[in-house]
Amino acid sequence: MIRSRIARIAAVVAFAFVFMGIGYGIALAASQPHMVNARNYLYDALHELNMAPANKGGYRQQAINSINSAITSVTNGINYYNNNPQ
């Protein structure tokens, strides 16, 4: 009985910590909506490029590489802000 009660309490505490973390992440993302939107648009563009045929003389692949680099840069900017809020 005590073991199951402790397990339930531990589960409730873990559940609370998970949702506090999710809420914190959402709050940080909401504080920089333009960066998050830009990253989402980049993901959309990457999806479209991946759906296109590869017969573009290598330019499609160059664009994919550039977008992957841009996604990394935007994500780094978001993470920098999250760790160094103004």
N, C-alpha and C. Protein backbone atom coordinates (compact mmCIF):
# COMPACT_ATOMS: atom_id res chain seq x y z
N MET A 1 0.83 -1.20 0.00
CA MET A 1 0.00 0.00 0.00
C MET A 1 0.87 1.26 0.00
N ILE A 2 1.87 1.28 0.86
CA ILE A 2 2.74 2.45 0.92
C ILE A 2 3.52 2.58 -0.39
N ARG A 3 3.96 1.46 -0.93
CA ARG A 3 4.72 1.48 -2.17
C ARG A 3 3.89 2.08 -3.30
N SER A 4 2.62 1.70 -3.41
CA SER A 4 1.78 2.24 -4.48
C SER A 4 1.46 3.71 -4.23
N ARG A 5 1.34 4.12 -3.00
CA ARG A 5 1.09 5.53 -2.70
C ARG A 5 2.30 6.36 -3.08
N ILE A 6 3.49 5.88 -2.77
CA ILE A 6 4.72 6.59 -3.14
C ILE A 6 4.85 6.66 -4.66
N ALA A 7 4.52 5.57 -5.32
CA ALA A 7 4.58 5.55 -6.78
C ALA A 7 3.61 6.56 -7.38
N ARG A 8 2.41 6.65 -6.82
CA ARG A 8 1.43 7.63 -7.32
C ARG A 8 1.92 9.05 -7.10
N ILE A 9 2.47 9.32 -5.93
CA ILE A 9 2.98 10.67 -5.64
C ILE A 9 4.13 10.99 -6.59
N ALA A 10 5.02 10.04 -6.81
CA ALA A 10 6.13 10.26 -7.73
C ALA A 10 5.62 10.53 -9.14
N ALA A 11 4.60 9.81 -9.57
CA ALA A 11 4.03 10.01 -10.90
C ALA A 11 3.41 11.40 -11.02
N VAL A 12 2.72 11.83 -10.00
CA VAL A 12 2.09 13.17 -10.03
C VAL A 12 3.17 14.25 -10.07
N VAL A 13 4.21 14.09 -9.29
CA VAL A 13 5.30 15.07 -9.28
C VAL A 13 6.00 15.10 -10.65
N ALA A 14 6.27 13.93 -11.21
CA ALA A 14 6.91 13.87 -12.53
C ALA A 14 6.02 14.52 -13.59
N PHE A 15 4.73 14.23 -13.54
CA PHE A 15 3.77 14.82 -14.47
C PHE A 15 3.79 16.35 -14.36
N ALA A 16 3.81 16.85 -13.14
CA ALA A 16 3.83 18.30 -12.93
C ALA A 16 5.10 18.92 -13.50
N PHE A 17 6.25 18.28 -13.27
CA PHE A 17 7.50 18.81 -13.80
C PHE A 17 7.52 18.82 -15.32
N VAL A 18 6.99 17.79 -15.93
CA VAL A 18 6.95 17.73 -17.39
C VAL A 18 6.11 18.89 -17.93
N PHE A 19 4.94 19.10 -17.37
CA PHE A 19 4.08 20.16 -17.88
C PHE A 19 4.59 21.55 -17.52
N MET A 20 5.31 21.68 -16.44
CA MET A 20 5.94 22.97 -16.14
C MET A 20 7.01 23.27 -17.20
N GLY A 21 7.77 22.24 -17.57
CA GLY A 21 8.79 22.41 -18.60
C GLY A 21 8.20 22.76 -19.95
N ILE A 22 7.12 22.10 -20.31
CA ILE A 22 6.45 22.39 -21.57
C ILE A 22 5.92 23.82 -21.56
N GLY A 23 5.31 24.20 -20.46
CA GLY A 23 4.79 25.57 -20.35
C GLY A 23 5.89 26.60 -20.45
N TYR A 24 7.03 26.32 -19.83
CA TYR A 24 8.17 27.24 -19.90
C TYR A 24 8.67 27.36 -21.33
N GLY A 25 8.76 26.22 -22.03
CA GLY A 25 9.19 26.25 -23.42
C GLY A 25 8.23 27.02 -24.31
N ILE A 26 6.96 26.86 -24.09
CA ILE A 26 5.95 27.60 -24.86
C ILE A 26 6.05 29.08 -24.57
N ALA A 27 6.26 29.44 -23.31
CA ALA A 27 6.39 30.85 -22.94
C ALA A 27 7.61 31.47 -23.61
N LEU A 28 8.73 30.74 -23.64
CA LEU A 28 9.92 31.27 -24.30
C LEU A 28 9.69 31.43 -25.80
N ALA A 29 9.04 30.46 -26.42
CA ALA A 29 8.76 30.55 -27.84
C ALA A 29 7.81 31.70 -28.13
N ALA A 30 6.85 31.91 -27.26
CA ALA A 30 5.88 33.00 -27.46
C ALA A 30 6.55 34.36 -27.34
N SER A 31 7.67 34.43 -26.61
CA SER A 31 8.33 35.72 -26.44
C SER A 31 9.15 36.09 -27.67
N GLN A 32 9.30 35.19 -28.62
CA GLN A 32 10.02 35.49 -29.86
C GLN A 32 9.31 34.86 -31.05
N PRO A 33 8.08 35.31 -31.30
CA PRO A 33 7.26 34.68 -32.33
C PRO A 33 7.83 34.81 -33.74
N HIS A 34 8.55 35.88 -34.02
CA HIS A 34 9.08 36.05 -35.38
C HIS A 34 10.16 35.03 -35.69
N MET A 35 11.00 34.73 -34.71
CA MET A 35 12.03 33.70 -34.92
C MET A 35 11.39 32.33 -35.09
N VAL A 36 10.39 32.04 -34.28
CA VAL A 36 9.71 30.74 -34.39
C VAL A 36 8.98 30.65 -35.72
N ASN A 37 8.32 31.72 -36.14
CA ASN A 37 7.64 31.72 -37.44
C ASN A 37 8.63 31.54 -38.58
N ALA A 38 9.77 32.23 -38.50
CA ALA A 38 10.78 32.11 -39.55
C ALA A 38 11.26 30.67 -39.66
N ARG A 39 11.49 30.03 -38.52
CA ARG A 39 11.94 28.63 -38.55
C ARG A 39 10.86 27.73 -39.15
N ASN A 40 9.61 28.00 -38.81
CA ASN A 40 8.52 27.20 -39.39
C ASN A 40 8.44 27.36 -40.90
N TYR A 41 8.63 28.59 -41.38
CA TYR A 41 8.62 28.83 -42.83
C TYR A 41 9.79 28.12 -43.50
N LEU A 42 10.93 28.10 -42.84
CA LEU A 42 12.08 27.39 -43.39
C LEU A 42 11.81 25.89 -43.48
N TYR A 43 11.17 25.34 -42.45
CA TYR A 43 10.80 23.92 -42.51
C TYR A 43 9.83 23.65 -43.65
N ASP A 44 8.88 24.58 -43.87
CA ASP A 44 7.94 24.42 -44.99
C ASP A 44 8.69 24.44 -46.32
N ALA A 45 9.63 25.38 -46.46
CA ALA A 45 10.41 25.47 -47.70
C ALA A 45 11.25 24.21 -47.90
N LEU A 46 11.83 23.70 -46.82
CA LEU A 46 12.62 22.48 -46.91
C LEU A 46 11.76 21.29 -47.37
N HIS A 47 10.56 21.23 -46.83
CA HIS A 47 9.64 20.17 -47.24
C HIS A 47 9.34 20.26 -48.74
N GLU A 48 9.06 21.45 -49.23
CA GLU A 48 8.76 21.63 -50.66
C GLU A 48 9.95 21.25 -51.52
N LEU A 49 11.15 21.65 -51.11
CA LEU A 49 12.34 21.29 -51.88
C LEU A 49 12.57 19.78 -51.89
N ASN A 50 12.31 19.14 -50.77
CA ASN A 50 12.48 17.69 -50.72
C ASN A 50 11.46 16.96 -51.59
N MET A 51 10.32 17.57 -51.82
CA MET A 51 9.29 16.97 -52.67
C MET A 51 9.58 17.19 -54.16
N ALA A 52 10.40 18.19 -54.48
CA ALA A 52 10.71 18.51 -55.88
C ALA A 52 11.68 17.49 -56.45
N PRO A 53 11.58 17.25 -57.78
CA PRO A 53 12.55 16.34 -58.40
C PRO A 53 13.96 16.94 -58.37
N ALA A 54 14.95 16.07 -58.43
CA ALA A 54 16.35 16.51 -58.26
C ALA A 54 17.00 16.98 -59.55
N ASN A 55 16.27 17.13 -60.61
CA ASN A 55 16.85 17.49 -61.91
C ASN A 55 17.00 19.01 -62.07
N LYS A 56 17.72 19.63 -61.16
CA LYS A 56 17.86 21.09 -61.17
C LYS A 56 19.32 21.52 -61.26
N GLY A 57 20.19 20.66 -61.75
CA GLY A 57 21.60 21.02 -61.92
C GLY A 57 22.33 21.25 -60.60
N GLY A 58 21.86 20.66 -59.53
CA GLY A 58 22.51 20.81 -58.23
C GLY A 58 22.01 21.99 -57.42
N TYR A 59 21.19 22.85 -58.02
CA TYR A 59 20.71 24.05 -57.31
C TYR A 59 19.69 23.70 -56.23
N ARG A 60 18.90 22.68 -56.47
CA ARG A 60 17.95 22.23 -55.44
C ARG A 60 18.72 21.80 -54.20
N GLN A 61 19.78 21.01 -54.40
CA GLN A 61 20.56 20.55 -53.26
C GLN A 61 21.26 21.71 -52.55
N GLN A 62 21.74 22.69 -53.32
CA GLN A 62 22.34 23.89 -52.71
C GLN A 62 21.31 24.61 -51.85
N ALA A 63 20.09 24.71 -52.35
CA ALA A 63 19.03 25.37 -51.59
C ALA A 63 18.71 24.59 -50.32
N ILE A 64 18.66 23.27 -50.42
CA ILE A 64 18.41 22.43 -49.23
C ILE A 64 19.50 22.66 -48.20
N ASN A 65 20.76 22.67 -48.65
CA ASN A 65 21.87 22.90 -47.72
C ASN A 65 21.78 24.28 -47.08
N SER A 66 21.43 25.29 -47.88
CA SER A 66 21.31 26.66 -47.34
C SER A 66 20.18 26.75 -46.31
N ILE A 67 19.06 26.11 -46.60
CA ILE A 67 17.93 26.15 -45.67
C ILE A 67 18.27 25.40 -44.39
N ASN A 68 18.96 24.27 -44.50
CA ASN A 68 19.37 23.56 -43.28
C ASN A 68 20.29 24.43 -42.44
N SER A 69 21.19 25.16 -43.08
CA SER A 69 22.07 26.08 -42.37
C SER A 69 21.27 27.21 -41.72
N ALA A 70 20.28 27.72 -42.44
CA ALA A 70 19.44 28.80 -41.89
C ALA A 70 18.63 28.30 -40.69
N ILE A 71 18.11 27.08 -40.77
CA ILE A 71 17.35 26.52 -39.65
C ILE A 71 18.25 26.41 -38.43
N THR A 72 19.49 25.96 -38.64
CA THR A 72 20.44 25.86 -37.53
C THR A 72 20.71 27.24 -36.93
N SER A 73 20.91 28.23 -37.78
CA SER A 73 21.18 29.59 -37.29
C SER A 73 20.00 30.16 -36.52
N VAL A 74 18.81 29.99 -37.03
CA VAL A 74 17.62 30.51 -36.34
C VAL A 74 17.44 29.78 -35.00
N THR A 75 17.63 28.47 -35.00
CA THR A 75 17.51 27.71 -33.76
C THR A 75 18.57 28.16 -32.75
N ASN A 76 19.78 28.40 -33.22
CA ASN A 76 20.83 28.91 -32.33
C ASN A 76 20.46 30.27 -31.76
N GLY A 77 19.85 31.11 -32.58
CA GLY A 77 19.41 32.42 -32.10
C GLY A 77 18.31 32.29 -31.05
N ILE A 78 17.38 31.40 -31.26
CA ILE A 78 16.31 31.15 -30.29
C ILE A 78 16.91 30.65 -28.98
N ASN A 79 17.83 29.68 -29.08
CA ASN A 79 18.45 29.13 -27.88
C ASN A 79 19.29 30.18 -27.16
N TYR A 80 19.98 31.03 -27.91
CA TYR A 80 20.77 32.10 -27.28
C TYR A 80 19.86 33.01 -26.47
N TYR A 81 18.75 33.41 -27.07
CA TYR A 81 17.81 34.29 -26.36
C TYR A 81 17.25 33.59 -25.11
N ASN A 82 16.92 32.31 -25.26
CA ASN A 82 16.38 31.58 -24.11
C ASN A 82 17.37 31.51 -22.96
N ASN A 83 18.65 31.44 -23.28
CA ASN A 83 19.68 31.36 -22.24
C ASN A 83 20.18 32.73 -21.78
N ASN A 84 19.89 33.77 -22.55
CA ASN A 84 20.34 35.14 -22.23
C ASN A 84 19.22 36.13 -22.47
N PRO A 85 18.10 36.00 -21.76
CA PRO A 85 16.96 36.90 -22.03
C PRO A 85 17.33 38.36 -21.80
N GLN A 86 16.75 39.19 -22.63
CA GLN A 86 17.05 40.63 -22.55
C GLN A 86 16.26 41.30 -21.45
